[in-house]
């Protein structure tokens, strides 16, 4: 009887260990995907701001040219 109980506890231990490792792997993968998404959002935001700055710079140059013509 003791051997059966010990075998059951051993099996339960390994099942719990495998489940715990699986959960850790899932959390790491989820966190990594969140970091990648945040990086993509940041790049898009920086591209948008860069485009706005470029347009503002073009407007400034056009205003300077129009002032020089006058």
N, C-alpha and C. Protein backbone atom coordinates (compact mmCIF):
# COMPACT_ATOMS: atom_id res chain seq x y z
N UNK A 1 0.83 -1.20 0.00
CA UNK A 1 0.00 0.00 0.00
C UNK A 1 0.87 1.26 0.00
N UNK A 2 1.94 1.24 0.76
CA UNK A 2 2.83 2.40 0.84
C UNK A 2 3.50 2.68 -0.51
N UNK A 3 3.80 1.63 -1.25
CA UNK A 3 4.44 1.78 -2.55
C UNK A 3 3.49 2.48 -3.51
N UNK A 4 2.21 2.13 -3.47
CA UNK A 4 1.21 2.75 -4.35
C UNK A 4 1.07 4.23 -4.01
N UNK A 5 1.00 4.55 -2.73
CA UNK A 5 0.88 5.95 -2.30
C UNK A 5 2.11 6.74 -2.74
N UNK A 6 3.27 6.16 -2.58
CA UNK A 6 4.50 6.83 -2.99
C UNK A 6 4.52 7.05 -4.49
N UNK A 7 4.06 6.07 -5.27
CA UNK A 7 4.01 6.22 -6.72
C UNK A 7 3.03 7.32 -7.12
N UNK A 8 1.91 7.37 -6.45
CA UNK A 8 0.91 8.41 -6.76
C UNK A 8 1.49 9.79 -6.46
N UNK A 9 2.16 9.93 -5.31
CA UNK A 9 2.76 11.22 -4.96
C UNK A 9 3.86 11.61 -5.95
N UNK A 10 4.61 10.62 -6.40
CA UNK A 10 5.67 10.88 -7.37
C UNK A 10 5.06 11.35 -8.69
N UNK A 11 4.02 10.69 -9.14
CA UNK A 11 3.34 11.09 -10.38
C UNK A 11 2.75 12.48 -10.23
N UNK A 12 2.11 12.76 -9.11
CA UNK A 12 1.53 14.09 -8.88
C UNK A 12 2.61 15.17 -8.87
N UNK A 13 3.75 14.85 -8.26
CA UNK A 13 4.84 15.81 -8.23
C UNK A 13 5.28 16.16 -9.65
N UNK A 14 5.49 15.15 -10.49
CA UNK A 14 5.95 15.41 -11.86
C UNK A 14 4.90 16.13 -12.68
N UNK A 15 3.64 15.80 -12.48
CA UNK A 15 2.56 16.50 -13.20
C UNK A 15 2.54 17.97 -12.80
N UNK A 16 2.65 18.25 -11.52
CA UNK A 16 2.67 19.63 -11.06
C UNK A 16 3.90 20.38 -11.57
N UNK A 17 5.04 19.71 -11.58
CA UNK A 17 6.26 20.33 -12.08
C UNK A 17 6.15 20.68 -13.56
N UNK A 18 5.63 19.75 -14.34
CA UNK A 18 5.46 19.99 -15.77
C UNK A 18 4.45 21.12 -16.00
N UNK A 19 3.36 21.13 -15.23
CA UNK A 19 2.37 22.20 -15.36
C UNK A 19 2.98 23.55 -14.99
N UNK A 20 3.77 23.59 -13.94
CA UNK A 20 4.39 24.84 -13.52
C UNK A 20 5.36 25.36 -14.58
N UNK A 21 6.18 24.47 -15.13
CA UNK A 21 7.11 24.87 -16.19
C UNK A 21 6.33 25.35 -17.41
N UNK A 22 5.24 24.68 -17.75
CA UNK A 22 4.40 25.10 -18.87
C UNK A 22 3.82 26.48 -18.66
N UNK A 23 3.37 26.76 -17.46
CA UNK A 23 2.81 28.09 -17.16
C UNK A 23 3.90 29.15 -17.27
N UNK A 24 5.09 28.87 -16.77
CA UNK A 24 6.20 29.82 -16.86
C UNK A 24 6.53 30.10 -18.32
N UNK A 25 6.57 29.05 -19.15
CA UNK A 25 6.86 29.24 -20.58
C UNK A 25 5.78 30.09 -21.24
N UNK A 26 4.53 29.83 -20.91
CA UNK A 26 3.42 30.62 -21.47
C UNK A 26 3.53 32.09 -21.07
N UNK A 27 3.86 32.35 -19.82
CA UNK A 27 4.00 33.73 -19.35
C UNK A 27 5.15 34.45 -20.05
N UNK A 28 6.26 33.75 -20.23
CA UNK A 28 7.41 34.35 -20.91
C UNK A 28 7.05 34.67 -22.36
N UNK A 29 6.38 33.74 -23.04
CA UNK A 29 5.98 33.98 -24.44
C UNK A 29 5.00 35.15 -24.53
N UNK A 30 4.04 35.21 -23.61
CA UNK A 30 3.06 36.29 -23.61
C UNK A 30 3.75 37.64 -23.39
N UNK A 31 4.67 37.69 -22.42
CA UNK A 31 5.39 38.93 -22.13
C UNK A 31 6.22 39.37 -23.33
N UNK A 32 6.86 38.41 -23.99
CA UNK A 32 7.67 38.71 -25.17
C UNK A 32 6.79 39.28 -26.29
N UNK A 33 5.62 38.69 -26.49
CA UNK A 33 4.73 39.19 -27.54
C UNK A 33 4.22 40.59 -27.18
N UNK A 34 3.97 40.84 -25.91
CA UNK A 34 3.55 42.19 -25.49
C UNK A 34 4.65 43.21 -25.74
N UNK A 35 5.89 42.83 -25.48
CA UNK A 35 7.02 43.73 -25.74
C UNK A 35 7.13 44.04 -27.24
N UNK A 36 6.94 43.02 -28.07
CA UNK A 36 7.02 43.23 -29.51
C UNK A 36 5.90 44.15 -29.99
N UNK A 37 4.68 43.97 -29.45
CA UNK A 37 3.56 44.83 -29.83
C UNK A 37 3.81 46.27 -29.38
N UNK A 38 4.34 46.44 -28.18
CA UNK A 38 4.64 47.78 -27.68
C UNK A 38 5.70 48.45 -28.56
N UNK A 39 6.67 47.68 -29.00
CA UNK A 39 7.72 48.22 -29.87
C UNK A 39 7.12 48.65 -31.21
N UNK A 40 6.22 47.85 -31.76
CA UNK A 40 5.57 48.21 -33.02
C UNK A 40 4.75 49.49 -32.86
N UNK A 41 4.00 49.60 -31.75
CA UNK A 41 3.21 50.81 -31.52
C UNK A 41 4.11 52.04 -31.37
N UNK A 42 5.22 51.87 -30.68
CA UNK A 42 6.15 52.98 -30.48
C UNK A 42 6.75 53.42 -31.82
N UNK A 43 7.10 52.44 -32.65
CA UNK A 43 7.67 52.78 -33.97
C UNK A 43 6.64 53.52 -34.81
N UNK A 44 5.39 53.07 -34.80
CA UNK A 44 4.34 53.75 -35.58
C UNK A 44 4.15 55.18 -35.08
N UNK A 45 4.15 55.35 -33.76
CA UNK A 45 3.99 56.69 -33.19
C UNK A 45 5.15 57.59 -33.58
N UNK A 46 6.37 57.05 -33.52
CA UNK A 46 7.54 57.85 -33.91
C UNK A 46 7.52 58.19 -35.40
N UNK A 47 7.06 57.27 -36.23
CA UNK A 47 6.95 57.55 -37.66
C UNK A 47 5.94 58.65 -37.91
N UNK A 48 4.82 58.61 -37.17
CA UNK A 48 3.79 59.63 -37.33
C UNK A 48 4.34 61.00 -36.91
N UNK A 49 5.02 61.04 -35.77
CA UNK A 49 5.59 62.31 -35.31
C UNK A 49 6.67 62.81 -36.26
N UNK A 50 7.46 61.89 -36.80
CA UNK A 50 8.49 62.26 -37.75
C UNK A 50 7.86 62.88 -39.01
N UNK A 51 6.77 62.30 -39.47
CA UNK A 51 6.08 62.83 -40.64
C UNK A 51 5.51 64.22 -40.33
N UNK A 52 4.94 64.39 -39.15
CA UNK A 52 4.41 65.71 -38.76
C UNK A 52 5.53 66.74 -38.72
N UNK A 53 6.68 66.37 -38.18
CA UNK A 53 7.81 67.30 -38.13
C UNK A 53 8.30 67.65 -39.53
N UNK A 54 8.32 66.65 -40.41
CA UNK A 54 8.73 66.91 -41.79
C UNK A 54 7.79 67.89 -42.47
N UNK A 55 6.48 67.70 -42.27
CA UNK A 55 5.50 68.61 -42.86
C UNK A 55 5.63 70.01 -42.29
N UNK A 56 5.87 70.11 -40.98
CA UNK A 56 6.04 71.42 -40.37
C UNK A 56 7.30 72.10 -40.92
N UNK A 57 8.36 71.34 -41.11
CA UNK A 57 9.59 71.89 -41.67
C UNK A 57 9.37 72.39 -43.10
N UNK A 58 8.64 71.61 -43.88
CA UNK A 58 8.32 72.04 -45.25
C UNK A 58 7.51 73.33 -45.24
N UNK A 59 6.54 73.43 -44.32
CA UNK A 59 5.74 74.66 -44.22
C UNK A 59 6.61 75.86 -43.85
N UNK A 60 7.54 75.65 -42.93
CA UNK A 60 8.44 76.74 -42.53
C UNK A 60 9.28 77.19 -43.72
N UNK A 61 9.80 76.24 -44.47
CA UNK A 61 10.61 76.60 -45.65
C UNK A 61 9.77 77.36 -46.67
N UNK A 62 8.53 76.93 -46.87
CA UNK A 62 7.66 77.61 -47.82
C UNK A 62 7.34 79.03 -47.36
N UNK A 63 7.12 79.20 -46.07
CA UNK A 63 6.86 80.54 -45.54
C UNK A 63 8.08 81.44 -45.72
N UNK A 64 9.27 80.90 -45.46
CA UNK A 64 10.50 81.68 -45.64
C UNK A 64 10.68 82.09 -47.10
N UNK A 65 10.38 81.18 -48.02
CA UNK A 65 10.50 81.49 -49.42
C UNK A 65 9.51 82.55 -49.83
N UNK A 66 8.29 82.45 -49.31
CA UNK A 66 7.27 83.45 -49.67
C UNK A 66 7.64 84.83 -49.07
N UNK A 67 8.26 84.85 -47.90
CA UNK A 67 8.71 86.12 -47.31
C UNK A 67 9.85 86.73 -48.11
N UNK A 68 10.73 85.89 -48.61
CA UNK A 68 11.85 86.38 -49.41
C UNK A 68 11.35 86.96 -50.74
N UNK A 69 10.32 86.38 -51.30
CA UNK A 69 9.77 86.87 -52.56
C UNK A 69 9.12 88.24 -52.39
N UNK A 70 8.57 88.45 -51.23
CA UNK A 70 7.89 89.74 -50.98
C UNK A 70 8.93 90.76 -50.69
